Amino acid sequence: MQCNPGCGACCIAPSISSPIPGMPNGKPAGVRCIQLDNNNLCKIFGQPQRPKVCLQFQADRQVCGSSAAEALTIITQLENLTE
């Protein structure tokens, strides 16, 4: 499955513990990544400074659903299960 352009749910819903350029301590769940632009696209996509966890994320219907809103709901629920 390909990412839905402009979704950004994977850059908002989960916590990321590794450093992100501009967010040296990572980011908490539910906080928009500083590297997410106004179109919900990653500004450092394909760049070496992109966190490994972001590189490893694979879009999947079970996680992403069929819309950005559904993806945000699903990923938030998954994040809450791992607290």
N, C-alpha and C. Protein backbone atom coordinates (compact mmCIF):
# COMPACT_ATOMS: atom_id res chain seq x y z
N MET A 1 0.84 -1.18 0.00
CA MET A 1 0.00 0.00 0.00
C MET A 1 0.89 1.25 0.00
N GLN A 2 0.49 2.26 -0.73
CA GLN A 2 1.18 3.54 -0.74
C GLN A 2 0.56 4.46 0.32
N CYS A 3 1.38 5.34 0.87
CA CYS A 3 0.86 6.34 1.81
C CYS A 3 -0.16 7.21 1.08
N ASN A 4 -1.14 7.65 1.82
CA ASN A 4 -2.10 8.61 1.28
C ASN A 4 -1.46 9.99 1.36
N PRO A 5 -1.15 10.61 0.23
CA PRO A 5 -0.51 11.93 0.26
C PRO A 5 -1.33 12.92 1.08
N GLY A 6 -0.65 13.66 1.93
CA GLY A 6 -1.31 14.66 2.75
C GLY A 6 -1.97 14.11 3.99
N CYS A 7 -1.74 12.85 4.33
CA CYS A 7 -2.34 12.25 5.51
C CYS A 7 -1.65 12.77 6.78
N GLY A 8 -0.40 12.42 6.98
CA GLY A 8 0.38 12.91 8.12
C GLY A 8 0.06 12.26 9.45
N ALA A 9 -0.86 11.32 9.52
CA ALA A 9 -1.25 10.71 10.80
C ALA A 9 -0.07 10.06 11.51
N CYS A 10 0.82 9.43 10.76
CA CYS A 10 1.98 8.76 11.36
C CYS A 10 3.00 9.77 11.89
N CYS A 11 2.83 11.04 11.56
CA CYS A 11 3.71 12.10 12.04
C CYS A 11 3.05 12.92 13.15
N ILE A 12 1.85 12.53 13.53
CA ILE A 12 1.11 13.24 14.57
C ILE A 12 0.77 12.30 15.73
N ALA A 13 0.13 11.19 15.45
CA ALA A 13 -0.43 10.33 16.49
C ALA A 13 0.61 9.64 17.38
N PRO A 14 1.64 9.02 16.82
CA PRO A 14 2.54 8.26 17.71
C PRO A 14 3.59 9.12 18.40
N SER A 15 4.06 8.61 19.53
CA SER A 15 5.23 9.22 20.15
C SER A 15 6.45 8.72 19.40
N ILE A 16 7.47 9.54 19.32
CA ILE A 16 8.74 9.16 18.70
C ILE A 16 9.82 9.51 19.69
N SER A 17 10.54 8.51 20.16
CA SER A 17 11.54 8.74 21.21
C SER A 17 12.90 9.15 20.66
N SER A 18 13.16 8.91 19.41
CA SER A 18 14.45 9.27 18.84
C SER A 18 14.47 10.73 18.41
N PRO A 19 15.66 11.33 18.36
CA PRO A 19 15.75 12.74 17.96
C PRO A 19 15.26 12.97 16.53
N ILE A 20 14.63 14.10 16.35
CA ILE A 20 14.15 14.56 15.05
C ILE A 20 14.76 15.95 14.88
N PRO A 21 15.26 16.30 13.69
CA PRO A 21 15.77 17.67 13.53
C PRO A 21 14.73 18.70 13.98
N GLY A 22 15.12 19.55 14.92
CA GLY A 22 14.21 20.53 15.48
C GLY A 22 13.46 20.04 16.71
N MET A 23 13.54 18.73 16.97
CA MET A 23 12.90 18.12 18.15
C MET A 23 13.91 17.13 18.73
N PRO A 24 14.95 17.62 19.38
CA PRO A 24 16.04 16.75 19.82
C PRO A 24 15.64 15.66 20.82
N ASN A 25 14.51 15.83 21.49
CA ASN A 25 14.04 14.82 22.45
C ASN A 25 12.91 13.97 21.88
N GLY A 26 12.75 13.99 20.56
CA GLY A 26 11.65 13.27 19.94
C GLY A 26 10.36 14.06 20.10
N LYS A 27 9.23 13.36 20.03
CA LYS A 27 7.95 14.05 20.17
C LYS A 27 6.95 13.17 20.90
N PRO A 28 6.10 13.80 21.71
CA PRO A 28 5.06 13.03 22.39
C PRO A 28 3.92 12.68 21.44
N ALA A 29 3.16 11.69 21.83
CA ALA A 29 1.99 11.28 21.06
C ALA A 29 1.02 12.45 20.93
N GLY A 30 0.44 12.59 19.76
CA GLY A 30 -0.56 13.62 19.52
C GLY A 30 0.01 14.98 19.17
N VAL A 31 1.33 15.10 19.17
CA VAL A 31 1.98 16.36 18.82
C VAL A 31 2.47 16.27 17.38
N ARG A 32 2.16 17.28 16.63
CA ARG A 32 2.57 17.35 15.22
C ARG A 32 4.08 17.45 15.12
N CYS A 33 4.70 16.61 14.31
CA CYS A 33 6.14 16.67 14.09
C CYS A 33 6.50 18.01 13.44
N ILE A 34 7.57 18.61 13.90
CA ILE A 34 8.01 19.90 13.36
C ILE A 34 8.40 19.77 11.88
N GLN A 35 8.71 18.56 11.43
CA GLN A 35 9.12 18.34 10.05
C GLN A 35 7.95 18.07 9.11
N LEU A 36 6.73 18.16 9.62
CA LEU A 36 5.54 17.97 8.80
C LEU A 36 5.13 19.33 8.25
N ASP A 37 5.08 19.45 6.92
CA ASP A 37 4.76 20.76 6.33
C ASP A 37 3.24 21.01 6.32
N ASN A 38 2.84 22.14 5.77
CA ASN A 38 1.43 22.53 5.74
C ASN A 38 0.57 21.60 4.90
N ASN A 39 1.19 20.82 4.02
CA ASN A 39 0.47 19.85 3.20
C ASN A 39 0.54 18.45 3.80
N ASN A 40 1.01 18.37 5.05
CA ASN A 40 1.17 17.08 5.75
C ASN A 40 2.15 16.15 5.04
N LEU A 41 3.19 16.72 4.50
CA LEU A 41 4.26 15.95 3.88
C LEU A 41 5.53 16.16 4.70
N CYS A 42 6.35 15.12 4.79
CA CYS A 42 7.58 15.18 5.57
C CYS A 42 8.63 16.00 4.83
N LYS A 43 9.16 17.02 5.52
CA LYS A 43 10.18 17.89 4.93
C LYS A 43 11.53 17.19 4.83
N ILE A 44 11.74 16.10 5.58
CA ILE A 44 13.04 15.41 5.55
C ILE A 44 12.91 14.00 4.97
N PHE A 45 11.82 13.75 4.26
CA PHE A 45 11.63 12.44 3.61
C PHE A 45 12.82 12.18 2.69
N GLY A 46 13.41 11.00 2.82
CA GLY A 46 14.55 10.63 1.97
C GLY A 46 15.87 11.21 2.42
N GLN A 47 15.88 11.97 3.51
CA GLN A 47 17.11 12.58 4.00
C GLN A 47 17.73 11.70 5.08
N PRO A 48 19.06 11.72 5.22
CA PRO A 48 19.71 10.86 6.21
C PRO A 48 19.37 11.20 7.66
N GLN A 49 18.93 12.41 7.95
CA GLN A 49 18.59 12.77 9.32
C GLN A 49 17.19 12.33 9.74
N ARG A 50 16.45 11.74 8.84
CA ARG A 50 15.11 11.23 9.17
C ARG A 50 15.27 10.07 10.15
N PRO A 51 14.50 10.06 11.25
CA PRO A 51 14.64 9.00 12.24
C PRO A 51 14.41 7.60 11.66
N LYS A 52 15.13 6.64 12.20
CA LYS A 52 15.04 5.26 11.73
C LYS A 52 13.60 4.72 11.85
N VAL A 53 12.92 5.08 12.93
CA VAL A 53 11.55 4.61 13.11
C VAL A 53 10.65 5.10 11.98
N CYS A 54 10.90 6.30 11.49
CA CYS A 54 10.12 6.84 10.37
C CYS A 54 10.45 6.11 9.07
N LEU A 55 11.73 5.81 8.90
CA LEU A 55 12.15 5.07 7.70
C LEU A 55 11.52 3.69 7.65
N GLN A 56 11.34 3.09 8.81
CA GLN A 56 10.83 1.72 8.88
C GLN A 56 9.31 1.61 8.80
N PHE A 57 8.60 2.72 8.97
CA PHE A 57 7.15 2.66 8.92
C PHE A 57 6.68 2.26 7.53
N GLN A 58 5.78 1.31 7.49
CA GLN A 58 5.20 0.85 6.23
C GLN A 58 3.69 1.10 6.26
N ALA A 59 3.19 1.82 5.29
CA ALA A 59 1.75 2.05 5.21
C ALA A 59 1.04 0.70 5.04
N ASP A 60 -0.03 0.53 5.77
CA ASP A 60 -0.79 -0.71 5.75
C ASP A 60 -2.26 -0.38 5.99
N ARG A 61 -3.15 -1.00 5.29
CA ARG A 61 -4.58 -0.72 5.42
C ARG A 61 -5.06 -0.86 6.86
N GLN A 62 -4.50 -1.84 7.62
CA GLN A 62 -4.92 -2.05 9.00
C GLN A 62 -4.52 -0.88 9.91
N VAL A 63 -3.45 -0.18 9.55
CA VAL A 63 -2.97 0.96 10.35
C VAL A 63 -3.47 2.28 9.77
N CYS A 64 -3.51 2.37 8.46
CA CYS A 64 -3.84 3.64 7.80
C CYS A 64 -5.31 3.80 7.47
N GLY A 65 -6.05 2.71 7.46
CA GLY A 65 -7.45 2.79 7.11
C GLY A 65 -7.64 3.29 5.69
N SER A 66 -8.72 4.02 5.47
CA SER A 66 -9.02 4.49 4.11
C SER A 66 -9.02 6.02 4.01
N SER A 67 -8.65 6.69 5.10
CA SER A 67 -8.60 8.16 5.08
C SER A 67 -7.64 8.65 6.15
N ALA A 68 -7.28 9.92 6.06
CA ALA A 68 -6.40 10.52 7.06
C ALA A 68 -7.06 10.49 8.44
N ALA A 69 -8.34 10.78 8.51
CA ALA A 69 -9.05 10.78 9.79
C ALA A 69 -9.06 9.38 10.40
N GLU A 70 -9.29 8.38 9.56
CA GLU A 70 -9.29 7.00 10.06
C GLU A 70 -7.90 6.59 10.52
N ALA A 71 -6.87 6.98 9.77
CA ALA A 71 -5.49 6.67 10.16
C ALA A 71 -5.16 7.30 11.50
N LEU A 72 -5.55 8.54 11.70
CA LEU A 72 -5.28 9.23 12.95
C LEU A 72 -5.96 8.51 14.12
N THR A 73 -7.18 8.06 13.92
CA THR A 73 -7.90 7.32 14.95
C THR A 73 -7.22 6.00 15.26
N ILE A 74 -6.87 5.24 14.24
CA ILE A 74 -6.26 3.92 14.42
C ILE A 74 -4.90 4.05 15.10
N ILE A 75 -4.06 4.94 14.60
CA ILE A 75 -2.71 5.07 15.15
C ILE A 75 -2.77 5.60 16.59
N THR A 76 -3.72 6.48 16.89
CA THR A 76 -3.90 6.96 18.25
C THR A 76 -4.31 5.81 19.17
N GLN A 77 -5.22 4.96 18.71
CA GLN A 77 -5.64 3.81 19.50
C GLN A 77 -4.46 2.86 19.75
N LEU A 78 -3.65 2.62 18.72
CA LEU A 78 -2.48 1.75 18.87
C LEU A 78 -1.48 2.37 19.86
N GLU A 79 -1.28 3.66 19.77
CA GLU A 79 -0.38 4.36 20.70
C GLU A 79 -0.88 4.20 22.13
N ASN A 80 -2.17 4.37 22.34
CA ASN A 80 -2.75 4.24 23.68
C ASN A 80 -2.58 2.84 24.25
N LEU A 81 -2.59 1.83 23.38
CA LEU A 81 -2.40 0.44 23.82
C LEU A 81 -0.96 0.18 24.26
N THR A 82 -0.03 0.99 23.82
CA THR A 82 1.39 0.75 24.13
C THR A 82 1.90 1.63 25.26
N GLU A 83 1.03 2.41 25.88
CA GLU A 83 1.47 3.29 26.96
C GLU A 83 1.92 2.50 28.17
